[in-house]
Amino acid sequence: MKNNFRITTLNLLSIFYFTNTAYSQPIMSDICYPETSSENYVSDLNNGVCDAYRYVSLGVGPIIFIPNFGIGYRERHSQLGWDSALSFSTIGYAHQLSAHLVGHYYFNPIQQNSPYLGLGLIGSGVFTNQRAEGSTLSPDFVFGKEFERTSESRQFIEMHVAVPTMWMGKNHLGPMYFPLMYVKYGMSF
């Protein structure tokens, strides 16, 4: 039990470190490079959207119909970006605190509302009202879409699928092939 608690704590602290580092960095300018139309696009990685922002997210997961609330930070440089976040899910008796770090690949480097794919790592701690039940660690596959920018607000919707999951509990240690799925809607602040 103590060993599982230590592993869970170390996983969450290491992911929190990345999130904390992101929050202590200054926010970059909203658009580093002006958008260009597809006729004028020259294949050059310096042309494209470049932005960074903090966000709050509302959604469901790790199993559909369980409410999920989170905060995070994301950054984008043309076609590549990354996202780190902490989220909390609860059904009253059981709770999950999770953290993820995901790299994004945007399909269109010059479009602000580009769809994207992501791959990363998600770790979580599962608790009941009486005690800690265990922790999970799994790869995180993401598909999302950013919306058009309105004034200073950024928004996105994305789906996370985490499978296979390594479950580390006091009575069981091994893979779990049931996918953990999150659907999130995020807004910048």
N, C-alpha and C. Protein backbone atom coordinates (compact mmCIF):
# COMPACT_ATOMS: atom_id res chain seq x y z
N MET A 1 0.83 -1.19 0.00
CA MET A 1 0.00 0.00 0.00
C MET A 1 0.87 1.25 0.00
N LYS A 2 1.89 1.28 0.87
CA LYS A 2 2.77 2.44 0.93
C LYS A 2 3.52 2.63 -0.38
N ASN A 3 3.95 1.51 -1.00
CA ASN A 3 4.67 1.59 -2.26
C ASN A 3 3.77 2.15 -3.36
N ASN A 4 2.51 1.71 -3.44
CA ASN A 4 1.58 2.22 -4.44
C ASN A 4 1.30 3.70 -4.22
N PHE A 5 1.17 4.10 -2.96
CA PHE A 5 0.94 5.50 -2.66
C PHE A 5 2.14 6.35 -3.09
N ARG A 6 3.35 5.85 -2.87
CA ARG A 6 4.56 6.57 -3.28
C ARG A 6 4.63 6.70 -4.80
N ILE A 7 4.32 5.62 -5.51
CA ILE A 7 4.35 5.66 -6.98
C ILE A 7 3.33 6.65 -7.50
N THR A 8 2.11 6.61 -6.96
CA THR A 8 1.07 7.55 -7.37
C THR A 8 1.49 8.98 -7.09
N THR A 9 2.02 9.22 -5.91
CA THR A 9 2.45 10.56 -5.54
C THR A 9 3.57 11.05 -6.45
N LEU A 10 4.55 10.21 -6.74
CA LEU A 10 5.65 10.61 -7.62
C LEU A 10 5.16 10.87 -9.03
N ASN A 11 4.22 10.05 -9.54
CA ASN A 11 3.67 10.28 -10.88
C ASN A 11 2.96 11.62 -10.94
N LEU A 12 2.11 11.91 -9.98
CA LEU A 12 1.37 13.16 -9.98
C LEU A 12 2.28 14.37 -9.78
N LEU A 13 3.28 14.25 -8.92
CA LEU A 13 4.21 15.36 -8.71
C LEU A 13 5.06 15.64 -9.94
N SER A 14 5.49 14.59 -10.64
CA SER A 14 6.29 14.82 -11.85
C SER A 14 5.47 15.49 -12.94
N ILE A 15 4.22 15.09 -13.09
CA ILE A 15 3.37 15.74 -14.10
C ILE A 15 3.01 17.14 -13.64
N PHE A 16 2.80 17.34 -12.34
CA PHE A 16 2.53 18.68 -11.81
C PHE A 16 3.73 19.59 -12.05
N TYR A 17 4.93 19.05 -11.99
CA TYR A 17 6.13 19.84 -12.26
C TYR A 17 6.08 20.44 -13.65
N PHE A 18 5.71 19.62 -14.67
CA PHE A 18 5.61 20.12 -16.03
C PHE A 18 4.54 21.20 -16.13
N THR A 19 3.40 20.99 -15.47
CA THR A 19 2.32 21.97 -15.52
C THR A 19 2.75 23.25 -14.82
N ASN A 20 3.40 23.14 -13.67
CA ASN A 20 3.86 24.31 -12.94
C ASN A 20 4.89 25.08 -13.75
N THR A 21 5.79 24.38 -14.43
CA THR A 21 6.77 25.04 -15.28
C THR A 21 6.07 25.83 -16.37
N ALA A 22 5.02 25.24 -16.94
CA ALA A 22 4.28 25.93 -17.99
C ALA A 22 3.61 27.18 -17.45
N TYR A 23 3.07 27.13 -16.25
CA TYR A 23 2.39 28.29 -15.69
C TYR A 23 3.37 29.39 -15.30
N SER A 24 4.61 29.08 -15.03
CA SER A 24 5.56 30.11 -14.64
C SER A 24 6.21 30.77 -15.85
N GLN A 25 6.03 30.20 -17.06
CA GLN A 25 6.57 30.82 -18.26
C GLN A 25 5.69 31.97 -18.70
N PRO A 26 6.27 33.00 -19.26
CA PRO A 26 5.42 34.08 -19.78
C PRO A 26 4.65 33.60 -20.99
N ILE A 27 3.43 34.09 -21.14
CA ILE A 27 2.60 33.74 -22.29
C ILE A 27 3.16 34.44 -23.52
N MET A 28 3.29 33.70 -24.61
CA MET A 28 3.79 34.27 -25.85
C MET A 28 2.71 35.15 -26.47
N SER A 29 3.07 35.93 -27.46
CA SER A 29 2.07 36.73 -28.13
C SER A 29 1.05 35.81 -28.79
N ASP A 30 -0.14 36.32 -28.96
CA ASP A 30 -1.23 35.49 -29.48
C ASP A 30 -0.92 34.90 -30.85
N ILE A 31 -0.43 35.71 -31.74
CA ILE A 31 -0.08 35.24 -33.08
C ILE A 31 1.33 35.71 -33.37
N CYS A 32 2.24 34.76 -33.56
CA CYS A 32 3.62 35.13 -33.85
C CYS A 32 3.79 35.48 -35.32
N TYR A 33 3.06 34.79 -36.18
CA TYR A 33 3.17 34.99 -37.61
C TYR A 33 1.77 35.20 -38.17
N PRO A 34 1.61 36.10 -39.10
CA PRO A 34 0.27 36.32 -39.65
C PRO A 34 -0.20 35.11 -40.44
N GLU A 35 -1.51 34.90 -40.41
CA GLU A 35 -2.07 33.82 -41.22
C GLU A 35 -2.02 34.21 -42.68
N THR A 36 -1.82 33.26 -43.55
CA THR A 36 -1.82 33.50 -44.98
C THR A 36 -2.82 32.57 -45.62
N SER A 37 -3.32 32.96 -46.77
CA SER A 37 -4.26 32.09 -47.47
C SER A 37 -3.50 30.95 -48.12
N SER A 38 -4.23 29.91 -48.52
CA SER A 38 -3.57 28.73 -49.06
C SER A 38 -2.90 29.03 -50.41
N GLU A 39 -3.36 30.06 -51.16
CA GLU A 39 -2.72 30.39 -52.44
C GLU A 39 -1.32 30.96 -52.22
N ASN A 40 -1.15 31.70 -51.14
CA ASN A 40 0.14 32.35 -50.89
C ASN A 40 1.05 31.53 -50.00
N TYR A 41 0.61 30.36 -49.60
CA TYR A 41 1.37 29.57 -48.65
C TYR A 41 2.65 29.03 -49.28
N VAL A 42 3.76 29.29 -48.65
CA VAL A 42 5.04 28.76 -49.06
C VAL A 42 5.42 27.72 -48.03
N SER A 43 5.89 26.57 -48.47
CA SER A 43 6.21 25.49 -47.54
C SER A 43 7.41 25.88 -46.69
N ASP A 44 7.13 26.53 -45.58
CA ASP A 44 8.17 27.01 -44.69
C ASP A 44 7.63 26.93 -43.27
N LEU A 45 8.34 26.28 -42.38
CA LEU A 45 7.84 26.10 -41.02
C LEU A 45 7.74 27.41 -40.25
N ASN A 46 8.36 28.49 -40.72
CA ASN A 46 8.25 29.76 -40.03
C ASN A 46 6.93 30.46 -40.29
N ASN A 47 6.19 30.04 -41.31
CA ASN A 47 4.87 30.60 -41.58
C ASN A 47 3.84 29.75 -40.86
N GLY A 48 3.00 30.36 -40.07
CA GLY A 48 1.97 29.59 -39.41
C GLY A 48 1.53 30.25 -38.12
N VAL A 49 0.65 29.56 -37.44
CA VAL A 49 0.09 30.06 -36.20
C VAL A 49 1.02 29.69 -35.05
N CYS A 50 1.20 30.63 -34.15
CA CYS A 50 2.04 30.39 -32.98
C CYS A 50 1.35 31.04 -31.79
N ASP A 51 0.87 30.25 -30.85
CA ASP A 51 0.20 30.83 -29.69
C ASP A 51 0.35 29.93 -28.48
N ALA A 52 -0.02 30.48 -27.33
CA ALA A 52 0.05 29.77 -26.05
C ALA A 52 -1.01 30.36 -25.13
N TYR A 53 -1.66 29.49 -24.36
CA TYR A 53 -2.67 29.98 -23.43
C TYR A 53 -2.98 28.96 -22.35
N ARG A 54 -3.49 29.48 -21.22
CA ARG A 54 -4.01 28.65 -20.14
C ARG A 54 -5.48 28.41 -20.41
N TYR A 55 -6.02 27.31 -19.88
CA TYR A 55 -7.43 27.01 -20.13
C TYR A 55 -8.05 26.25 -18.97
N VAL A 56 -9.38 26.30 -18.93
CA VAL A 56 -10.18 25.43 -18.06
C VAL A 56 -10.96 24.53 -18.99
N SER A 57 -11.23 23.31 -18.53
CA SER A 57 -11.98 22.37 -19.35
C SER A 57 -13.10 21.73 -18.55
N LEU A 58 -14.18 21.48 -19.24
CA LEU A 58 -15.33 20.77 -18.69
C LEU A 58 -15.61 19.60 -19.62
N GLY A 59 -15.98 18.48 -19.05
CA GLY A 59 -16.25 17.34 -19.91
C GLY A 59 -16.71 16.13 -19.12
N VAL A 60 -16.50 14.98 -19.73
CA VAL A 60 -16.85 13.71 -19.11
C VAL A 60 -15.67 12.76 -19.23
N GLY A 61 -15.56 11.83 -18.29
CA GLY A 61 -14.53 10.82 -18.34
C GLY A 61 -14.00 10.51 -16.95
N PRO A 62 -13.37 9.44 -16.71
CA PRO A 62 -12.74 8.45 -17.58
C PRO A 62 -13.73 7.47 -18.20
N ILE A 63 -14.92 7.40 -17.67
CA ILE A 63 -15.98 6.61 -18.28
C ILE A 63 -17.07 7.61 -18.60
N ILE A 64 -17.65 7.51 -19.78
CA ILE A 64 -18.65 8.48 -20.22
C ILE A 64 -19.73 8.63 -19.15
N PHE A 65 -20.22 9.82 -18.95
CA PHE A 65 -21.24 10.24 -17.99
C PHE A 65 -20.68 10.55 -16.61
N ILE A 66 -19.37 10.49 -16.39
CA ILE A 66 -18.77 10.93 -15.14
C ILE A 66 -18.22 12.34 -15.38
N PRO A 67 -18.69 13.35 -14.65
CA PRO A 67 -18.22 14.73 -14.90
C PRO A 67 -16.74 14.89 -14.63
N ASN A 68 -16.12 15.78 -15.42
CA ASN A 68 -14.69 16.01 -15.35
C ASN A 68 -14.43 17.51 -15.44
N PHE A 69 -13.56 18.02 -14.57
CA PHE A 69 -13.18 19.43 -14.57
C PHE A 69 -11.65 19.50 -14.57
N GLY A 70 -11.08 20.43 -15.34
CA GLY A 70 -9.63 20.49 -15.39
C GLY A 70 -9.10 21.88 -15.69
N ILE A 71 -7.79 22.04 -15.47
CA ILE A 71 -7.06 23.25 -15.85
C ILE A 71 -5.83 22.80 -16.61
N GLY A 72 -5.34 23.65 -17.50
CA GLY A 72 -4.17 23.25 -18.26
C GLY A 72 -3.51 24.40 -18.98
N TYR A 73 -2.50 24.05 -19.75
CA TYR A 73 -1.73 25.01 -20.53
C TYR A 73 -1.39 24.33 -21.85
N ARG A 74 -1.53 25.07 -22.95
CA ARG A 74 -1.14 24.53 -24.24
C ARG A 74 -0.39 25.58 -25.04
N GLU A 75 0.47 25.06 -25.90
CA GLU A 75 1.32 25.92 -26.71
C GLU A 75 1.40 25.32 -28.11
N ARG A 76 1.43 26.19 -29.12
CA ARG A 76 1.49 25.73 -30.51
C ARG A 76 2.50 26.55 -31.30
N HIS A 77 3.30 25.85 -32.09
CA HIS A 77 4.26 26.47 -33.00
C HIS A 77 4.05 25.84 -34.37
N SER A 78 3.29 26.50 -35.22
CA SER A 78 3.00 26.03 -36.58
C SER A 78 2.28 24.69 -36.54
N GLN A 79 2.93 23.59 -36.89
CA GLN A 79 2.26 22.28 -36.92
C GLN A 79 2.43 21.48 -35.64
N LEU A 80 3.32 21.87 -34.76
CA LEU A 80 3.58 21.10 -33.55
C LEU A 80 3.19 21.89 -32.32
N GLY A 81 2.74 21.18 -31.30
CA GLY A 81 2.37 21.82 -30.05
C GLY A 81 2.38 20.81 -28.91
N TRP A 82 2.05 21.27 -27.72
CA TRP A 82 1.97 20.38 -26.56
C TRP A 82 0.93 20.91 -25.60
N ASP A 83 0.49 20.04 -24.71
CA ASP A 83 -0.57 20.35 -23.76
C ASP A 83 -0.28 19.61 -22.46
N SER A 84 -0.42 20.31 -21.34
CA SER A 84 -0.32 19.65 -20.04
C SER A 84 -1.51 20.10 -19.21
N ALA A 85 -2.08 19.18 -18.44
CA ALA A 85 -3.29 19.52 -17.68
C ALA A 85 -3.44 18.62 -16.47
N LEU A 86 -4.18 19.14 -15.50
CA LEU A 86 -4.63 18.39 -14.33
C LEU A 86 -6.15 18.37 -14.38
N SER A 87 -6.77 17.23 -14.09
CA SER A 87 -8.23 17.16 -14.11
C SER A 87 -8.73 16.30 -12.95
N PHE A 88 -9.99 16.53 -12.60
CA PHE A 88 -10.62 15.85 -11.48
C PHE A 88 -11.97 15.32 -11.93
N SER A 89 -12.24 14.04 -11.65
CA SER A 89 -13.52 13.40 -11.95
C SER A 89 -14.07 12.80 -10.67
N THR A 90 -15.40 12.84 -10.52
CA THR A 90 -16.00 12.25 -9.33
C THR A 90 -17.42 11.78 -9.61
N ILE A 91 -17.80 10.74 -8.90
CA ILE A 91 -19.20 10.30 -8.91
C ILE A 91 -19.75 10.29 -7.48
N GLY A 92 -19.13 11.05 -6.60
CA GLY A 92 -19.59 11.16 -5.23
C GLY A 92 -18.84 10.25 -4.28
N TYR A 93 -18.76 8.98 -4.60
CA TYR A 93 -18.08 8.01 -3.74
C TYR A 93 -16.65 7.76 -4.22
N ALA A 94 -16.46 7.69 -5.53
CA ALA A 94 -15.15 7.44 -6.11
C ALA A 94 -14.68 8.69 -6.85
N HIS A 95 -13.37 8.95 -6.77
CA HIS A 95 -12.78 10.15 -7.35
C HIS A 95 -11.52 9.78 -8.12
N GLN A 96 -11.21 10.57 -9.14
CA GLN A 96 -9.98 10.37 -9.90
C GLN A 96 -9.32 11.72 -10.12
N LEU A 97 -8.06 11.80 -9.78
CA LEU A 97 -7.24 12.97 -10.05
C LEU A 97 -6.22 12.55 -11.10
N SER A 98 -6.24 13.18 -12.26
CA SER A 98 -5.35 12.76 -13.33
C SER A 98 -4.57 13.93 -13.89
N ALA A 99 -3.45 13.61 -14.51
CA ALA A 99 -2.59 14.59 -15.15
C ALA A 99 -2.11 14.00 -16.46
N HIS A 100 -2.02 14.85 -17.47
CA HIS A 100 -1.51 14.36 -18.75
C HIS A 100 -0.55 15.36 -19.38
N LEU A 101 0.31 14.81 -20.20
CA LEU A 101 1.25 15.57 -21.01
C LEU A 101 1.17 14.99 -22.40
N VAL A 102 0.75 15.82 -23.38
CA VAL A 102 0.48 15.34 -24.73
C VAL A 102 1.15 16.25 -25.75
N GLY A 103 1.76 15.64 -26.76
CA GLY A 103 2.27 16.39 -27.91
C GLY A 103 1.21 16.40 -29.00
N HIS A 104 1.04 17.54 -29.68
CA HIS A 104 0.02 17.68 -30.72
C HIS A 104 0.67 17.85 -32.09
N TYR A 105 0.00 17.30 -33.10
CA TYR A 105 0.36 17.53 -34.50
C TYR A 105 -0.86 18.14 -35.18
N TYR A 106 -0.74 19.40 -35.61
CA TYR A 106 -1.84 20.12 -36.27
C TYR A 106 -1.77 19.85 -37.77
N PHE A 107 -2.92 19.54 -38.38
CA PHE A 107 -2.94 19.20 -39.79
C PHE A 107 -2.63 20.39 -40.69
N ASN A 108 -3.02 21.59 -40.29
CA ASN A 108 -2.79 22.77 -41.11
C ASN A 108 -2.02 23.81 -40.29
N PRO A 109 -0.77 24.09 -40.63
CA PRO A 109 0.05 24.99 -39.81
C PRO A 109 -0.36 26.45 -39.89
N ILE A 110 -1.13 26.86 -40.91
CA ILE A 110 -1.48 28.27 -41.06
C ILE A 110 -2.92 28.57 -40.67
N GLN A 111 -3.65 27.59 -40.19
CA GLN A 111 -5.05 27.78 -39.85
C GLN A 111 -5.22 27.71 -38.33
N GLN A 112 -5.87 28.72 -37.74
CA GLN A 112 -6.05 28.73 -36.29
C GLN A 112 -7.02 27.65 -35.83
N ASN A 113 -7.99 27.27 -36.63
CA ASN A 113 -8.99 26.29 -36.22
C ASN A 113 -8.69 24.91 -36.79
N SER A 114 -7.45 24.53 -36.81
CA SER A 114 -7.01 23.27 -37.39
C SER A 114 -7.35 22.08 -36.49
N PRO A 115 -7.76 20.95 -37.08
CA PRO A 115 -7.86 19.72 -36.29
C PRO A 115 -6.45 19.21 -35.97
N TYR A 116 -6.35 18.39 -34.93
CA TYR A 116 -5.04 17.89 -34.52
C TYR A 116 -5.14 16.48 -33.95
N LEU A 117 -4.01 15.80 -33.97
CA LEU A 117 -3.85 14.50 -33.31
C LEU A 117 -2.79 14.67 -32.24
N GLY A 118 -2.90 13.87 -31.20
CA GLY A 118 -1.93 13.97 -30.13
C GLY A 118 -1.56 12.61 -29.56
N LEU A 119 -0.40 12.54 -28.99
CA LEU A 119 0.08 11.32 -28.33
C LEU A 119 0.85 11.75 -27.10
N GLY A 120 0.56 11.10 -25.97
CA GLY A 120 1.24 11.47 -24.74
C GLY A 120 1.07 10.43 -23.66
N LEU A 121 1.10 10.89 -22.43
CA LEU A 121 1.04 10.02 -21.27
C LEU A 121 0.05 10.60 -20.27
N ILE A 122 -0.76 9.72 -19.68
CA ILE A 122 -1.71 10.15 -18.66
C ILE A 122 -1.53 9.26 -17.43
N GLY A 123 -1.46 9.90 -16.28
CA GLY A 123 -1.35 9.18 -15.01
C GLY A 123 -2.43 9.68 -14.07
N SER A 124 -2.94 8.79 -13.23
CA SER A 124 -4.01 9.21 -12.32
C SER A 124 -3.97 8.43 -11.03
N GLY A 125 -4.60 9.02 -10.04
CA GLY A 125 -4.81 8.36 -8.76
C GLY A 125 -6.30 8.17 -8.56
N VAL A 126 -6.71 7.01 -8.11
CA VAL A 126 -8.12 6.68 -7.90
C VAL A 126 -8.34 6.55 -6.39
N PHE A 127 -9.35 7.26 -5.87
CA PHE A 127 -9.62 7.30 -4.44
C PHE A 127 -11.10 7.06 -4.19
N THR A 128 -11.41 6.47 -3.06
CA THR A 128 -12.78 6.43 -2.56
C THR A 128 -12.83 7.31 -1.32
N ASN A 129 -14.00 7.45 -0.75
CA ASN A 129 -14.11 8.31 0.44
C ASN A 129 -13.32 7.77 1.62
N GLN A 130 -13.06 6.46 1.67
CA GLN A 130 -12.34 5.88 2.81
C GLN A 130 -10.84 5.78 2.60
N ARG A 131 -10.39 5.49 1.36
CA ARG A 131 -8.95 5.24 1.17
C ARG A 131 -8.56 5.37 -0.31
N ALA A 132 -7.25 5.32 -0.54
CA ALA A 132 -6.72 5.32 -1.92
C ALA A 132 -6.85 3.91 -2.47
N GLU A 133 -7.38 3.80 -3.68
CA GLU A 133 -7.59 2.49 -4.30
C GLU A 133 -6.43 2.07 -5.19
N GLY A 134 -5.77 3.01 -5.81
CA GLY A 134 -4.66 2.67 -6.69
C GLY A 134 -4.36 3.80 -7.65
N SER A 135 -3.55 3.49 -8.64
CA SER A 135 -3.18 4.48 -9.64
C SER A 135 -3.14 3.84 -11.01
N THR A 136 -3.18 4.67 -12.03
CA THR A 136 -3.13 4.19 -13.41
C THR A 136 -2.07 4.96 -14.17
N LEU A 137 -1.54 4.35 -15.19
CA LEU A 137 -0.59 4.97 -16.09
C LEU A 137 -0.84 4.40 -17.47
N SER A 138 -1.02 5.26 -18.48
CA SER A 138 -1.33 4.75 -19.81
C SER A 138 -0.96 5.76 -20.89
N PRO A 139 -0.79 5.26 -22.13
CA PRO A 139 -0.59 6.19 -23.25
C PRO A 139 -1.90 6.93 -23.50
N ASP A 140 -1.80 8.14 -24.00
CA ASP A 140 -2.96 9.00 -24.23
C ASP A 140 -3.02 9.37 -25.70
N PHE A 141 -4.05 8.89 -26.40
CA PHE A 141 -4.28 9.22 -27.80
C PHE A 141 -5.36 10.28 -27.87
N VAL A 142 -5.10 11.37 -28.59
CA VAL A 142 -6.00 12.52 -28.60
C VAL A 142 -6.36 12.88 -30.03
N PHE A 143 -7.64 13.21 -30.23
CA PHE A 143 -8.09 13.82 -31.47
C PHE A 143 -8.90 15.04 -31.09
N GLY A 144 -8.59 16.20 -31.68
CA GLY A 144 -9.27 17.42 -31.29
C GLY A 144 -9.40 18.41 -32.41
N LYS A 145 -10.11 19.48 -32.11
CA LYS A 145 -10.34 20.55 -33.07
C LYS A 145 -10.36 21.87 -32.31
N GLU A 146 -9.55 22.82 -32.76
CA GLU A 146 -9.59 24.17 -32.20
C GLU A 146 -10.64 24.95 -32.97
N PHE A 147 -11.31 25.88 -32.28
CA PHE A 147 -12.32 26.71 -32.91
C PHE A 147 -11.71 28.04 -33.32
N GLU A 148 -12.42 28.75 -34.20
CA GLU A 148 -11.98 30.08 -34.61
C GLU A 148 -11.79 30.96 -33.39
N ARG A 149 -10.80 31.77 -33.41
CA ARG A 149 -10.52 32.68 -32.31
C ARG A 149 -11.52 33.83 -32.31
N THR A 150 -12.11 34.11 -31.17
CA THR A 150 -13.01 35.25 -31.03
C THR A 150 -12.40 36.19 -30.00
N SER A 151 -12.06 37.38 -30.41
CA SER A 151 -11.37 38.38 -29.60
C SER A 151 -10.17 37.76 -28.89
N GLU A 152 -10.19 37.68 -27.58
CA GLU A 152 -9.07 37.12 -26.84
C GLU A 152 -9.32 35.69 -26.37
N SER A 153 -10.41 35.10 -26.77
CA SER A 153 -10.78 33.77 -26.29
C SER A 153 -10.36 32.68 -27.27
N ARG A 154 -9.86 31.57 -26.74
CA ARG A 154 -9.54 30.38 -27.52
C ARG A 154 -10.41 29.24 -26.98
N GLN A 155 -10.87 28.37 -27.86
CA GLN A 155 -11.70 27.25 -27.45
C GLN A 155 -11.32 26.02 -28.27
N PHE A 156 -11.56 24.86 -27.69
CA PHE A 156 -11.28 23.61 -28.39
C PHE A 156 -12.18 22.52 -27.83
N ILE A 157 -12.31 21.45 -28.59
CA ILE A 157 -12.98 20.25 -28.13
C ILE A 157 -12.08 19.09 -28.52
N GLU A 158 -11.93 18.12 -27.62
CA GLU A 158 -11.05 17.00 -27.90
C GLU A 158 -11.52 15.74 -27.20
N MET A 159 -11.06 14.60 -27.74
CA MET A 159 -11.37 13.30 -27.16
C MET A 159 -10.06 12.59 -26.86
N HIS A 160 -9.94 12.09 -25.64
CA HIS A 160 -8.78 11.31 -25.21
C HIS A 160 -9.18 9.85 -25.10
N VAL A 161 -8.34 8.96 -25.58
CA VAL A 161 -8.54 7.52 -25.40
C VAL A 161 -7.25 6.97 -24.80
N ALA A 162 -7.36 6.39 -23.61
CA ALA A 162 -6.20 5.83 -22.91
C ALA A 162 -6.36 4.33 -22.83
N VAL A 163 -5.57 3.60 -23.60
CA VAL A 163 -5.59 2.13 -23.58
C VAL A 163 -4.25 1.64 -24.12
N PRO A 164 -3.62 0.60 -23.65
CA PRO A 164 -3.94 -0.12 -22.43
C PRO A 164 -3.49 0.67 -21.21
N THR A 165 -4.11 0.38 -20.11
CA THR A 165 -3.83 1.09 -18.86
C THR A 165 -3.15 0.14 -17.88
N MET A 166 -2.08 0.62 -17.26
CA MET A 166 -1.42 -0.16 -16.21
C MET A 166 -2.08 0.23 -14.89
N TRP A 167 -2.78 -0.71 -14.27
CA TRP A 167 -3.44 -0.49 -12.99
C TRP A 167 -2.50 -0.93 -11.89
N MET A 168 -2.26 -0.05 -10.92
CA MET A 168 -1.39 -0.35 -9.80
C MET A 168 -2.20 -0.19 -8.52
N GLY A 169 -2.81 -1.26 -8.05
CA GLY A 169 -3.61 -1.24 -6.84
C GLY A 169 -3.01 -2.17 -5.80
N LYS A 170 -3.59 -2.16 -4.62
CA LYS A 170 -3.00 -3.00 -3.56
C LYS A 170 -3.27 -4.48 -3.80
N ASN A 171 -4.36 -4.80 -4.51
CA ASN A 171 -4.67 -6.21 -4.76
C ASN A 171 -4.37 -6.65 -6.18
N HIS A 172 -4.04 -5.72 -7.05
CA HIS A 172 -3.86 -6.07 -8.45
C HIS A 172 -2.82 -5.15 -9.09
N LEU A 173 -1.93 -5.73 -9.84
CA LEU A 173 -0.95 -4.98 -10.61
C LEU A 173 -0.90 -5.62 -11.98
N GLY A 174 -1.30 -4.87 -12.98
CA GLY A 174 -1.28 -5.43 -14.33
C GLY A 174 -2.04 -4.57 -15.31
N PRO A 175 -2.02 -5.00 -16.57
CA PRO A 175 -2.68 -4.21 -17.61
C PRO A 175 -4.21 -4.33 -17.55
N MET A 176 -4.85 -3.26 -17.96
CA MET A 176 -6.31 -3.22 -18.06
C MET A 176 -6.60 -2.75 -19.49
N TYR A 177 -7.36 -3.55 -20.25
CA TYR A 177 -7.58 -3.24 -21.65
C TYR A 177 -8.90 -2.54 -21.91
N PHE A 178 -9.60 -2.13 -20.87
CA PHE A 178 -10.81 -1.33 -21.01
C PHE A 178 -10.38 0.12 -21.25
N PRO A 179 -10.80 0.74 -22.37
CA PRO A 179 -10.32 2.10 -22.65
C PRO A 179 -10.93 3.14 -21.71
N LEU A 180 -10.10 4.03 -21.22
CA LEU A 180 -10.55 5.19 -20.47
C LEU A 180 -10.73 6.31 -21.48
N MET A 181 -11.92 6.89 -21.54
CA MET A 181 -12.22 7.89 -22.56
C MET A 181 -12.66 9.19 -21.91
N TYR A 182 -12.11 10.29 -22.39
CA TYR A 182 -12.45 11.62 -21.91
C TYR A 182 -12.89 12.46 -23.12
N VAL A 183 -13.93 13.23 -22.97
CA VAL A 183 -14.33 14.22 -23.96
C VAL A 183 -14.32 15.55 -23.22
N LYS A 184 -13.57 16.51 -23.75
CA LYS A 184 -13.38 17.79 -23.04
C LYS A 184 -13.63 18.98 -23.95
N TYR A 185 -14.21 20.00 -23.37
CA TYR A 185 -14.37 21.30 -24.04
C TYR A 185 -13.57 22.30 -23.23
N GLY A 186 -12.63 22.98 -23.87
CA GLY A 186 -11.75 23.90 -23.16
C GLY A 186 -11.91 25.33 -23.61
N MET A 187 -11.71 26.26 -22.66
CA MET A 187 -11.77 27.70 -22.93
C MET A 187 -10.59 28.38 -22.27
N SER A 188 -9.98 29.30 -22.97
CA SER A 188 -8.82 30.00 -22.42
C SER A 188 -9.24 30.99 -21.34
N PHE A 189 -8.31 31.29 -20.44
CA PHE A 189 -8.56 32.34 -19.45
C PHE A 189 -7.31 33.18 -19.26
